[in-house]
PDB file of N, CA and C in Angstrom:
ATOM      1  N   UNK A   1       0.314  13.182 -33.896  1.00  0.00           N
ATOM      2  CA  UNK A   1       1.666  13.378 -33.124  1.00  0.00           C
ATOM      3  C   UNK A   1       2.285  11.955 -33.009  1.00  0.00           C
ATOM      4  N   UNK A   2       3.575  11.934 -33.383  1.00  0.00           N
ATOM      5  CA  UNK A   2       4.277  10.614 -33.518  1.00  0.00           C
ATOM      6  C   UNK A   2       4.264   9.974 -32.011  1.00  0.00           C
ATOM      7  N   UNK A   3       4.281   8.670 -31.994  1.00  0.00           N
ATOM      8  CA  UNK A   3       4.305   8.023 -30.659  1.00  0.00           C
ATOM      9  C   UNK A   3       5.393   6.917 -30.784  1.00  0.00           C
ATOM     10  N   UNK A   4       6.019   6.709 -29.714  1.00  0.00           N
ATOM     11  CA  UNK A   4       7.013   5.538 -29.548  1.00  0.00           C
ATOM     12  C   UNK A   4       6.827   4.733 -28.261  1.00  0.00           C
ATOM     13  N   UNK A   5       6.308   3.691 -28.316  1.00  0.00           N
ATOM     14  CA  UNK A   5       6.165   2.828 -27.130  1.00  0.00           C
ATOM     15  C   UNK A   5       5.107   3.514 -26.132  1.00  0.00           C
ATOM     16  N   UNK A   6       4.193   4.094 -26.710  1.00  0.00           N
ATOM     17  CA  UNK A   6       3.054   4.691 -25.863  1.00  0.00           C
ATOM     18  C   UNK A   6       3.441   6.197 -25.289  1.00  0.00           C
ATOM     19  N   UNK A   7       4.765   6.656 -25.505  1.00  0.00           N
ATOM     20  CA  UNK A   7       5.136   7.886 -25.047  1.00  0.00           C
ATOM     21  C   UNK A   7       5.232   8.918 -26.162  1.00  0.00           C
ATOM     22  N   UNK A   8       4.841  10.066 -25.832  1.00  0.00           N
ATOM     23  CA  UNK A   8       4.819  11.151 -26.914  1.00  0.00           C
ATOM     24  C   UNK A   8       6.322  11.726 -26.919  1.00  0.00           C
ATOM     25  N   UNK A   9       6.881  11.648 -28.035  1.00  0.00           N
ATOM     26  CA  UNK A   9       8.414  12.182 -28.186  1.00  0.00           C
ATOM     27  C   UNK A   9       8.383  13.377 -29.068  1.00  0.00           C
ATOM     28  N   UNK A  10       7.367  14.077 -29.069  1.00  0.00           N
ATOM     29  CA  UNK A  10       7.253  15.356 -29.996  1.00  0.00           C
ATOM     30  C   UNK A  10       6.916  16.442 -29.068  1.00  0.00           C
ATOM     31  N   UNK A  11       7.489  17.690 -29.168  1.00  0.00           N
ATOM     32  CA  UNK A  11       7.237  18.699 -28.221  1.00  0.00           C
ATOM     33  C   UNK A  11       5.810  19.297 -28.564  1.00  0.00           C
ATOM     34  N   UNK A  12       5.301  19.707 -27.446  1.00  0.00           N
ATOM     35  CA  UNK A  12       3.991  20.593 -27.406  1.00  0.00           C
ATOM     36  C   UNK A  12       4.407  21.826 -27.307  1.00  0.00           C
ATOM     37  N   UNK A  13       5.059  22.495 -28.390  1.00  0.00           N
ATOM     38  CA  UNK A  13       5.661  23.686 -28.395  1.00  0.00           C
ATOM     39  C   UNK A  13       5.322  24.425 -29.654  1.00  0.00           C
ATOM     40  N   UNK A  14       5.216  25.801 -29.624  1.00  0.00           N
ATOM     41  CA  UNK A  14       5.066  26.574 -30.761  1.00  0.00           C
ATOM     42  C   UNK A  14       6.021  27.648 -30.775  1.00  0.00           C
ATOM     43  N   UNK A  15       6.934  27.828 -31.688  1.00  0.00           N
ATOM     44  CA  UNK A  15       7.814  28.923 -31.626  1.00  0.00           C
ATOM     45  C   UNK A  15       7.068  30.226 -32.037  1.00  0.00           C
ATOM     46  N   UNK A  16       7.731  31.341 -31.328  1.00  0.00           N
ATOM     47  CA  UNK A  16       7.105  32.588 -31.697  1.00  0.00           C
ATOM     48  C   UNK A  16       8.221  33.604 -31.362  1.00  0.00           C
ATOM     49  N   UNK A  17       8.120  34.860 -31.952  1.00  0.00           N
ATOM     50  CA  UNK A  17       9.167  35.846 -31.813  1.00  0.00           C
ATOM     51  C   UNK A  17       8.724  36.787 -30.525  1.00  0.00           C
ATOM     52  N   UNK A  18       9.642  37.073 -29.766  1.00  0.00           N
ATOM     53  CA  UNK A  18       9.366  38.096 -28.682  1.00  0.00           C
ATOM     54  C   UNK A  18       9.804  39.448 -29.275  1.00  0.00           C
ATOM     55  N   UNK A  19       9.311  40.371 -28.424  1.00  0.00           N
ATOM     56  CA  UNK A  19       9.630  41.822 -28.837  1.00  0.00           C
ATOM     57  C   UNK A  19      11.179  41.975 -28.810  1.00  0.00           C
ATOM     58  N   UNK A  20      11.750  42.364 -29.918  1.00  0.00           N
ATOM     59  CA  UNK A  20      13.211  42.725 -29.785  1.00  0.00           C
ATOM     60  C   UNK A  20      14.000  41.478 -29.948  1.00  0.00           C
ATOM     61  N   UNK A  21      13.519  40.338 -30.083  1.00  0.00           N
ATOM     62  CA  UNK A  21      14.276  39.087 -30.267  1.00  0.00           C
ATOM     63  C   UNK A  21      14.121  38.732 -31.805  1.00  0.00           C
ATOM     64  N   UNK A  22      15.243  38.121 -32.156  1.00  0.00           N
ATOM     65  CA  UNK A  22      15.328  37.688 -33.590  1.00  0.00           C
ATOM     66  C   UNK A  22      15.165  36.090 -33.652  1.00  0.00           C
ATOM     67  N   UNK A  23      15.278  35.519 -32.547  1.00  0.00           N
ATOM     68  CA  UNK A  23      15.162  33.998 -32.566  1.00  0.00           C
ATOM     69  C   UNK A  23      13.824  33.506 -32.021  1.00  0.00           C
ATOM     70  N   UNK A  24      13.272  32.413 -32.491  1.00  0.00           N
ATOM     71  CA  UNK A  24      11.942  31.877 -32.004  1.00  0.00           C
ATOM     72  C   UNK A  24      12.250  31.352 -30.672  1.00  0.00           C
ATOM     73  N   UNK A  25      11.129  31.162 -29.744  1.00  0.00           N
ATOM     74  CA  UNK A  25      11.284  30.611 -28.465  1.00  0.00           C
ATOM     75  C   UNK A  25      10.304  29.487 -28.382  1.00  0.00           C
ATOM     76  N   UNK A  26      10.657  28.448 -27.781  1.00  0.00           N
ATOM     77  CA  UNK A  26       9.898  27.336 -27.641  1.00  0.00           C
ATOM     78  C   UNK A  26       9.138  27.255 -26.239  1.00  0.00           C
ATOM     79  N   UNK A  27       7.865  27.087 -26.402  1.00  0.00           N
ATOM     80  CA  UNK A  27       6.874  26.985 -25.160  1.00  0.00           C
ATOM     81  C   UNK A  27       6.243  25.761 -25.066  1.00  0.00           C
ATOM     82  N   UNK A  28       5.957  25.113 -23.891  1.00  0.00           N
ATOM     83  CA  UNK A  28       5.265  23.955 -23.680  1.00  0.00           C
ATOM     84  C   UNK A  28       3.888  24.363 -23.349  1.00  0.00           C
ATOM     85  N   UNK A  29       2.970  23.633 -24.109  1.00  0.00           N
ATOM     86  CA  UNK A  29       1.485  23.887 -23.665  1.00  0.00           C
ATOM     87  C   UNK A  29       0.971  22.619 -23.003  1.00  0.00           C
ATOM     88  N   UNK A  30       1.538  21.437 -23.095  1.00  0.00           N
ATOM     89  CA  UNK A  30       1.305  20.256 -22.327  1.00  0.00           C
ATOM     90  C   UNK A  30       2.533  19.578 -22.012  1.00  0.00           C
ATOM     91  N   UNK A  31       2.617  18.569 -21.096  1.00  0.00           N
ATOM     92  CA  UNK A  31       3.663  17.942 -20.802  1.00  0.00           C
ATOM     93  C   UNK A  31       3.576  16.462 -21.094  1.00  0.00           C
ATOM     94  N   UNK A  32       4.814  15.785 -21.300  1.00  0.00           N
ATOM     95  CA  UNK A  32       4.763  14.233 -21.494  1.00  0.00           C
ATOM     96  C   UNK A  32       4.015  13.561 -20.226  1.00  0.00           C
ATOM     97  N   UNK A  33       3.220  12.674 -20.533  1.00  0.00           N
ATOM     98  CA  UNK A  33       2.409  11.947 -19.481  1.00  0.00           C
ATOM     99  C   UNK A  33       3.119  11.116 -18.638  1.00  0.00           C
ATOM    100  N   UNK A  34       4.223  10.429 -18.966  1.00  0.00           N
ATOM    101  CA  UNK A  34       5.041   9.474 -18.272  1.00  0.00           C
ATOM    102  C   UNK A  34       6.551   9.988 -18.353  1.00  0.00           C
ATOM    103  N   UNK A  35       7.214   9.306 -17.347  1.00  0.00           N
ATOM    104  CA  UNK A  35       8.691   9.514 -17.243  1.00  0.00           C
ATOM    105  C   UNK A  35       9.278   8.954 -18.599  1.00  0.00           C
ATOM    106  N   UNK A  36      10.292   9.608 -18.935  1.00  0.00           N
ATOM    107  CA  UNK A  36      11.076   9.057 -20.134  1.00  0.00           C
ATOM    108  C   UNK A  36      12.447   8.352 -19.382  1.00  0.00           C
ATOM    109  N   UNK A  37      12.717   7.384 -20.121  1.00  0.00           N
ATOM    110  CA  UNK A  37      14.058   6.801 -19.573  1.00  0.00           C
ATOM    111  C   UNK A  37      15.160   7.624 -19.764  1.00  0.00           C
ATOM    112  N   UNK A  38      15.918   7.812 -18.660  1.00  0.00           N
ATOM    113  CA  UNK A  38      17.126   8.671 -18.695  1.00  0.00           C
ATOM    114  C   UNK A  38      18.070   8.316 -19.838  1.00  0.00           C
ATOM    115  N   UNK A  39      18.181   7.085 -20.175  1.00  0.00           N
ATOM    116  CA  UNK A  39      19.224   6.740 -21.223  1.00  0.00           C
ATOM    117  C   UNK A  39      18.982   7.385 -22.542  1.00  0.00           C
ATOM    118  N   UNK A  40      17.646   7.828 -22.745  1.00  0.00           N
ATOM    119  CA  UNK A  40      17.308   8.505 -24.045  1.00  0.00           C
ATOM    120  C   UNK A  40      17.514   9.904 -24.019  1.00  0.00           C
ATOM    121  N   UNK A  41      17.815  10.508 -22.913  1.00  0.00           N
ATOM    122  CA  UNK A  41      17.948  12.065 -22.915  1.00  0.00           C
ATOM    123  C   UNK A  41      19.403  12.422 -23.154  1.00  0.00           C
ATOM    124  N   UNK A  42      19.641  13.318 -23.944  1.00  0.00           N
ATOM    125  CA  UNK A  42      21.004  13.864 -24.281  1.00  0.00           C
ATOM    126  C   UNK A  42      21.207  15.140 -23.798  1.00  0.00           C
ATOM    127  N   UNK A  43      20.304  16.101 -23.627  1.00  0.00           N
ATOM    128  CA  UNK A  43      20.427  17.392 -23.196  1.00  0.00           C
ATOM    129  C   UNK A  43      19.132  17.952 -22.890  1.00  0.00           C
ATOM    130  N   UNK A  44      19.068  19.237 -22.395  1.00  0.00           N
ATOM    131  CA  UNK A  44      17.757  19.865 -22.078  1.00  0.00           C
ATOM    132  C   UNK A  44      17.952  21.328 -22.008  1.00  0.00           C
ATOM    133  N   UNK A  45      16.782  22.010 -22.137  1.00  0.00           N
ATOM    134  CA  UNK A  45      16.797  23.507 -21.936  1.00  0.00           C
ATOM    135  C   UNK A  45      15.375  23.846 -21.265  1.00  0.00           C
ATOM    136  N   UNK A  46      15.465  24.973 -20.671  1.00  0.00           N
ATOM    137  CA  UNK A  46      14.316  25.541 -20.004  1.00  0.00           C
ATOM    138  C   UNK A  46      13.563  26.523 -20.832  1.00  0.00           C
ATOM    139  N   UNK A  47      12.245  26.446 -20.921  1.00  0.00           N
ATOM    140  CA  UNK A  47      11.559  27.495 -21.691  1.00  0.00           C
ATOM    141  C   UNK A  47      11.597  28.831 -21.167  1.00  0.00           C
ATOM    142  N   UNK A  48      11.288  29.812 -21.987  1.00  0.00           N
ATOM    143  CA  UNK A  48      11.413  31.322 -21.629  1.00  0.00           C
ATOM    144  C   UNK A  48      10.416  31.625 -20.536  1.00  0.00           C
ATOM    145  N   UNK A  49      10.702  32.550 -19.866  1.00  0.00           N
ATOM    146  CA  UNK A  49       9.848  33.053 -18.804  1.00  0.00           C
ATOM    147  C   UNK A  49       8.757  33.779 -19.394  1.00  0.00           C
ATOM    148  N   UNK A  50       8.737  34.135 -20.715  1.00  0.00           N
ATOM    149  CA  UNK A  50       7.681  34.808 -21.468  1.00  0.00           C
ATOM    150  C   UNK A  50       6.644  33.669 -21.885  1.00  0.00           C
ATOM    151  N   UNK A  51       6.948  32.498 -21.730  1.00  0.00           N
ATOM    152  CA  UNK A  51       5.946  31.411 -22.035  1.00  0.00           C
ATOM    153  C   UNK A  51       4.792  31.458 -20.969  1.00  0.00           C
ATOM    154  N   UNK A  52       3.609  30.911 -21.311  1.00  0.00           N
ATOM    155  CA  UNK A  52       2.461  30.956 -20.424  1.00  0.00           C
ATOM    156  C   UNK A  52       2.622  29.995 -19.308  1.00  0.00           C
ATOM    157  N   UNK A  53       3.385  28.932 -19.447  1.00  0.00           N
ATOM    158  CA  UNK A  53       3.695  28.052 -18.266  1.00  0.00           C
ATOM    159  C   UNK A  53       5.160  27.620 -18.396  1.00  0.00           C
ATOM    160  N   UNK A  54       5.763  27.236 -17.229  1.00  0.00           N
ATOM    161  CA  UNK A  54       7.117  26.805 -17.312  1.00  0.00           C
ATOM    162  C   UNK A  54       7.289  25.441 -17.904  1.00  0.00           C
ATOM    163  N   UNK A  55       8.483  25.106 -18.523  1.00  0.00           N
ATOM    164  CA  UNK A  55       8.729  23.819 -18.995  1.00  0.00           C
ATOM    165  C   UNK A  55      10.151  23.521 -19.099  1.00  0.00           C
ATOM    166  N   UNK A  56      10.415  22.255 -19.165  1.00  0.00           N
ATOM    167  CA  UNK A  56      11.764  21.748 -19.520  1.00  0.00           C
ATOM    168  C   UNK A  56      11.710  20.956 -20.819  1.00  0.00           C
ATOM    169  N   UNK A  57      12.555  21.351 -21.827  1.00  0.00           N
ATOM    170  CA  UNK A  57      12.406  20.636 -23.000  1.00  0.00           C
ATOM    171  C   UNK A  57      13.768  19.546 -23.056  1.00  0.00           C
ATOM    172  N   UNK A  58      13.478  18.287 -22.995  1.00  0.00           N
ATOM    173  CA  UNK A  58      14.526  17.401 -23.132  1.00  0.00           C
ATOM    174  C   UNK A  58      14.734  16.982 -24.536  1.00  0.00           C
ATOM    175  N   UNK A  59      15.986  16.994 -24.978  1.00  0.00           N
ATOM    176  CA  UNK A  59      16.423  16.572 -26.292  1.00  0.00           C
ATOM    177  C   UNK A  59      16.906  15.161 -26.286  1.00  0.00           C
ATOM    178  N   UNK A  60      16.208  14.263 -27.041  1.00  0.00           N
ATOM    179  CA  UNK A  60      16.539  12.840 -27.082  1.00  0.00           C
ATOM    180  C   UNK A  60      17.621  12.492 -28.020  1.00  0.00           C
ATOM    181  N   UNK A  61      18.132  11.322 -27.806  1.00  0.00           N
ATOM    182  CA  UNK A  61      19.259  10.980 -28.691  1.00  0.00           C
ATOM    183  C   UNK A  61      18.928  10.814 -30.222  1.00  0.00           C
ATOM    184  N   UNK A  62      17.536  10.777 -30.394  1.00  0.00           N
ATOM    185  CA  UNK A  62      17.066  10.585 -31.736  1.00  0.00           C
ATOM    186  C   UNK A  62      16.679  12.019 -32.353  1.00  0.00           C
ATOM    187  N   UNK A  63      17.157  13.036 -31.658  1.00  0.00           N
ATOM    188  CA  UNK A  63      16.860  14.416 -32.044  1.00  0.00           C
ATOM    189  C   UNK A  63      15.496  15.060 -31.768  1.00  0.00           C
ATOM    190  N   UNK A  64      14.599  14.235 -31.076  1.00  0.00           N
ATOM    191  CA  UNK A  64      13.381  14.784 -30.775  1.00  0.00           C
ATOM    192  C   UNK A  64      13.374  15.635 -29.405  1.00  0.00           C
ATOM    193  N   UNK A  65      12.314  16.370 -29.335  1.00  0.00           N
ATOM    194  CA  UNK A  65      12.235  17.352 -28.179  1.00  0.00           C
ATOM    195  C   UNK A  65      10.915  16.958 -27.425  1.00  0.00           C
ATOM    196  N   UNK A  66      11.042  16.846 -26.086  1.00  0.00           N
ATOM    197  CA  UNK A  66       9.973  16.402 -25.195  1.00  0.00           C
ATOM    198  C   UNK A  66       9.757  17.414 -24.021  1.00  0.00           C
ATOM    199  N   UNK A  67       8.493  17.990 -24.005  1.00  0.00           N
ATOM    200  CA  UNK A  67       8.190  19.038 -22.832  1.00  0.00           C
ATOM    201  C   UNK A  67       7.851  18.202 -21.635  1.00  0.00           C
ATOM    202  N   UNK A  68       8.636  18.666 -20.582  1.00  0.00           N
ATOM    203  CA  UNK A  68       8.235  17.982 -19.313  1.00  0.00           C
ATOM    204  C   UNK A  68       7.999  19.047 -18.278  1.00  0.00           C
ATOM    205  N   UNK A  69       7.226  18.734 -17.224  1.00  0.00           N
ATOM    206  CA  UNK A  69       6.866  19.616 -16.173  1.00  0.00           C
ATOM    207  C   UNK A  69       8.095  19.663 -15.206  1.00  0.00           C
ATOM    208  N   UNK A  70       8.572  21.017 -14.909  1.00  0.00           N
ATOM    209  CA  UNK A  70       9.796  21.124 -14.151  1.00  0.00           C
ATOM    210  C   UNK A  70       9.363  20.939 -12.680  1.00  0.00           C
ATOM    211  N   UNK A  71       8.329  20.886 -12.206  1.00  0.00           N
ATOM    212  CA  UNK A  71       7.843  20.462 -10.963  1.00  0.00           C
ATOM    213  C   UNK A  71       7.911  19.015 -10.614  1.00  0.00           C
ATOM    214  N   UNK A  72       7.998  18.083 -11.495  1.00  0.00           N
ATOM    215  CA  UNK A  72       8.132  16.743 -11.314  1.00  0.00           C
ATOM    216  C   UNK A  72       9.469  16.201 -10.849  1.00  0.00           C
ATOM    217  N   UNK A  73       9.458  15.331  -9.786  1.00  0.00           N
ATOM    218  CA  UNK A  73      10.750  15.063  -9.290  1.00  0.00           C
ATOM    219  C   UNK A  73      11.778  14.353 -10.325  1.00  0.00           C
ATOM    220  N   UNK A  74      11.190  13.488 -11.182  1.00  0.00           N
ATOM    221  CA  UNK A  74      12.093  12.972 -12.188  1.00  0.00           C
ATOM    222  C   UNK A  74      12.746  14.061 -13.071  1.00  0.00           C
ATOM    223  N   UNK A  75      12.040  15.005 -13.412  1.00  0.00           N
ATOM    224  CA  UNK A  75      12.461  16.092 -14.400  1.00  0.00           C
ATOM    225  C   UNK A  75      13.686  16.763 -13.650  1.00  0.00           C
ATOM    226  N   UNK A  76      13.484  17.157 -12.346  1.00  0.00           N
ATOM    227  CA  UNK A  76      14.564  17.782 -11.470  1.00  0.00           C
ATOM    228  C   UNK A  76      15.759  16.931 -11.329  1.00  0.00           C
ATOM    229  N   UNK A  77      15.639  15.621 -11.191  1.00  0.00           N
ATOM    230  CA  UNK A  77      16.685  14.717 -11.138  1.00  0.00           C
ATOM    231  C   UNK A  77      17.487  14.689 -12.448  1.00  0.00           C
ATOM    232  N   UNK A  78      16.781  14.538 -13.605  1.00  0.00           N
ATOM    233  CA  UNK A  78      17.367  14.554 -14.943  1.00  0.00           C
ATOM    234  C   UNK A  78      18.280  15.818 -15.149  1.00  0.00           C
ATOM    235  N   UNK A  79      17.619  17.044 -14.836  1.00  0.00           N
ATOM    236  CA  UNK A  79      18.275  18.279 -15.030  1.00  0.00           C
ATOM    237  C   UNK A  79      19.680  18.226 -14.136  1.00  0.00           C
ATOM    238  N   UNK A  80      19.551  17.927 -12.846  1.00  0.00           N
ATOM    239  CA  UNK A  80      20.574  17.943 -12.040  1.00  0.00           C
ATOM    240  C   UNK A  80      21.698  17.006 -12.558  1.00  0.00           C
ATOM    241  N   UNK A  81      21.312  15.745 -13.081  1.00  0.00           N
ATOM    242  CA  UNK A  81      22.202  14.831 -13.705  1.00  0.00           C
ATOM    243  C   UNK A  81      23.002  15.369 -14.872  1.00  0.00           C
ATOM    244  N   UNK A  82      22.205  15.990 -15.711  1.00  0.00           N
ATOM    245  CA  UNK A  82      22.769  16.515 -16.991  1.00  0.00           C
ATOM    246  C   UNK A  82      23.729  17.637 -16.719  1.00  0.00           C
ATOM    247  N   UNK A  83      23.464  18.397 -15.661  1.00  0.00           N
ATOM    248  CA  UNK A  83      24.335  19.511 -15.299  1.00  0.00           C
ATOM    249  C   UNK A  83      25.585  18.992 -14.800  1.00  0.00           C
ATOM    250  N   UNK A  84      25.468  18.067 -13.865  1.00  0.00           N
ATOM    251  CA  UNK A  84      26.648  17.452 -13.276  1.00  0.00           C
ATOM    252  C   UNK A  84      27.669  16.741 -14.294  1.00  0.00           C
ATOM    253  N   UNK A  85      26.946  16.130 -15.395  1.00  0.00           N
ATOM    254  CA  UNK A  85      27.725  15.354 -16.440  1.00  0.00           C
ATOM    255  C   UNK A  85      28.039  16.110 -17.668  1.00  0.00           C
ATOM    256  N   UNK A  86      27.789  17.551 -17.645  1.00  0.00           N
ATOM    257  CA  UNK A  86      28.053  18.397 -18.768  1.00  0.00           C
ATOM    258  C   UNK A  86      29.489  18.661 -19.077  1.00  0.00           C
TER     259      UNK A  86
END
């Protein structure tokens, strides 16, 4: 898994097709260990409710995807900030 500055910038996700769906869904199976600097985050999306655990996938300015725990305060703050500035 690629690393940058000690942080994992690759998603821990596996695409799969759900019944009746034509598009793959990303699921998080583990979360980034440390907070990512906000300046690197461009967008986000939440994982499907069909995934085994909840997740927020942040999209970085370099086009990478990072799984984060939606219960972490910093994740909630980033999501709120991204929504307000969309």
